[in-house]
Amino acid sequence: MDHDHTFVMLDPTTDQVLAECDGPDASGRCPMADRPPYICAGLHLIGTGNGSRHRSLMVTKMEPGRCPIAVVN
């Protein structure tokens, strides 16, 4: 699936960029959120792509199989 948004994953203490993701697919799922360990758990996500509207969120809760960005939407 083509995405027009991208999110960077920052360490909440140092603001160091740790990873990048495309956000959820159309159904709200993410392959990185299928089972623990969840790569984005505890991180600060900031939208950088055109479709992200520069959203920012702290990932404090994960649901198995669901992207935290989809849960917020």
C-alpha atoms as a PDB file:
ATOM      1  CA  MET A   1       0.000   0.000   0.000  1.00  0.00           C
ATOM      2  CA  ASP A   2       1.325   3.455  -0.857  1.00  0.00           C
ATOM      3  CA  HIS A   3       1.475   5.885   2.026  1.00  0.00           C
ATOM      4  CA  ASP A   4       1.651   9.637   1.801  1.00  0.00           C
ATOM      5  CA  HIS A   5       2.734   9.941   5.408  1.00  0.00           C
ATOM      6  CA  THR A   6       5.801   9.000   7.376  1.00  0.00           C
ATOM      7  CA  PHE A   7       6.491   9.062  11.093  1.00  0.00           C
ATOM      8  CA  VAL A   8       9.810   9.262  12.883  1.00  0.00           C
ATOM      9  CA  MET A   9      10.240   7.478  16.202  1.00  0.00           C
ATOM     10  CA  LEU A  10      12.163   9.496  18.760  1.00  0.00           C
ATOM     11  CA  ASP A  11      13.645   8.558  22.095  1.00  0.00           C
ATOM     12  CA  PRO A  12      11.519  10.660  24.485  1.00  0.00           C
ATOM     13  CA  THR A  13      14.509  11.561  26.650  1.00  0.00           C
ATOM     14  CA  THR A  14      17.126  12.456  24.052  1.00  0.00           C
ATOM     15  CA  ASP A  15      14.972  13.202  20.955  1.00  0.00           C
ATOM     16  CA  GLN A  16      17.308  10.911  18.996  1.00  0.00           C
ATOM     17  CA  VAL A  17      15.653   9.444  15.886  1.00  0.00           C
ATOM     18  CA  LEU A  18      15.553   5.674  16.396  1.00  0.00           C
ATOM     19  CA  ALA A  19      13.430   4.519  13.471  1.00  0.00           C
ATOM     20  CA  GLU A  20      10.916   5.533  10.825  1.00  0.00           C
ATOM     21  CA  CYS A  21       7.563   4.042   9.857  1.00  0.00           C
ATOM     22  CA  ASP A  22       4.746   4.481   7.352  1.00  0.00           C
ATOM     23  CA  GLY A  23       1.958   4.265   9.914  1.00  0.00           C
ATOM     24  CA  PRO A  24      -0.952   1.834   9.741  1.00  0.00           C
ATOM     25  CA  ASP A  25      -2.342   0.128   6.671  1.00  0.00           C
ATOM     26  CA  ALA A  26      -5.955   0.786   5.628  1.00  0.00           C
ATOM     27  CA  SER A  27      -7.244  -1.633   8.273  1.00  0.00           C
ATOM     28  CA  GLY A  28      -5.191  -0.024  11.067  1.00  0.00           C
ATOM     29  CA  ARG A  29      -2.731  -2.872  11.331  1.00  0.00           C
ATOM     30  CA  CYS A  30       1.040  -2.748  11.435  1.00  0.00           C
ATOM     31  CA  PRO A  31       3.453  -5.675  10.980  1.00  0.00           C
ATOM     32  CA  MET A  32       5.669  -4.259  13.739  1.00  0.00           C
ATOM     33  CA  ALA A  33       2.728  -4.426  16.181  1.00  0.00           C
ATOM     34  CA  ASP A  34       1.831  -8.098  15.663  1.00  0.00           C
ATOM     35  CA  ARG A  35       3.441  -9.252  18.913  1.00  0.00           C
ATOM     36  CA  PRO A  36       5.876  -8.020  21.583  1.00  0.00           C
ATOM     37  CA  PRO A  37       8.360  -6.508  21.659  1.00  0.00           C
ATOM     38  CA  TYR A  38       6.636  -3.498  20.111  1.00  0.00           C
ATOM     39  CA  ILE A  39       9.251  -1.275  18.505  1.00  0.00           C
ATOM     40  CA  CYS A  40       7.347   1.977  19.064  1.00  0.00           C
ATOM     41  CA  ALA A  41       6.215   1.349  22.662  1.00  0.00           C
ATOM     42  CA  GLY A  42       7.357   4.222  24.861  1.00  0.00           C
ATOM     43  CA  LEU A  43       8.562   6.339  21.956  1.00  0.00           C
ATOM     44  CA  HIS A  44       7.538   9.773  20.704  1.00  0.00           C
ATOM     45  CA  LEU A  45       6.121   9.603  17.151  1.00  0.00           C
ATOM     46  CA  ILE A  46       6.147  12.692  14.948  1.00  0.00           C
ATOM     47  CA  GLY A  47       4.526  12.840  11.539  1.00  0.00           C
ATOM     48  CA  THR A  48       6.775  14.137   8.775  1.00  0.00           C
ATOM     49  CA  GLY A  49       5.002  13.217   5.533  1.00  0.00           C
ATOM     50  CA  ASN A  50       2.369  15.105   3.577  1.00  0.00           C
ATOM     51  CA  GLY A  51      -0.567  13.101   4.928  1.00  0.00           C
ATOM     52  CA  SER A  52       0.606  13.088   8.550  1.00  0.00           C
ATOM     53  CA  ARG A  53      -0.396  16.695   9.300  1.00  0.00           C
ATOM     54  CA  HIS A  54       2.703  16.756  11.532  1.00  0.00           C
ATOM     55  CA  ARG A  55       0.932  14.809  14.261  1.00  0.00           C
ATOM     56  CA  SER A  56       2.800  14.063  17.413  1.00  0.00           C
ATOM     57  CA  LEU A  57       2.026  11.431  20.011  1.00  0.00           C
ATOM     58  CA  MET A  58       3.668   9.547  22.818  1.00  0.00           C
ATOM     59  CA  VAL A  59       3.076   5.792  22.601  1.00  0.00           C
ATOM     60  CA  THR A  60       1.961   4.815  26.088  1.00  0.00           C
ATOM     61  CA  LYS A  61      -0.364   1.938  25.211  1.00  0.00           C
ATOM     62  CA  MET A  62      -0.138  -0.793  22.596  1.00  0.00           C
ATOM     63  CA  GLU A  63      -2.879  -3.104  21.358  1.00  0.00           C
ATOM     64  CA  PRO A  64      -1.651  -6.329  19.700  1.00  0.00           C
ATOM     65  CA  GLY A  65      -1.835  -6.022  15.934  1.00  0.00           C
ATOM     66  CA  ARG A  66      -2.948  -2.374  15.982  1.00  0.00           C
ATOM     67  CA  CYS A  67      -0.772   0.585  15.103  1.00  0.00           C
ATOM     68  CA  PRO A  68      -0.937   3.190  17.913  1.00  0.00           C
ATOM     69  CA  ILE A  69      -1.513   5.878  15.279  1.00  0.00           C
ATOM     70  CA  ALA A  70      -4.653   4.035  14.110  1.00  0.00           C
ATOM     71  CA  VAL A  71      -5.885   3.722  17.689  1.00  0.00           C
ATOM     72  CA  VAL A  72      -5.610   7.505  18.159  1.00  0.00           C
ATOM     73  CA  ASN A  73      -7.405   8.174  14.856  1.00  0.00           C
END
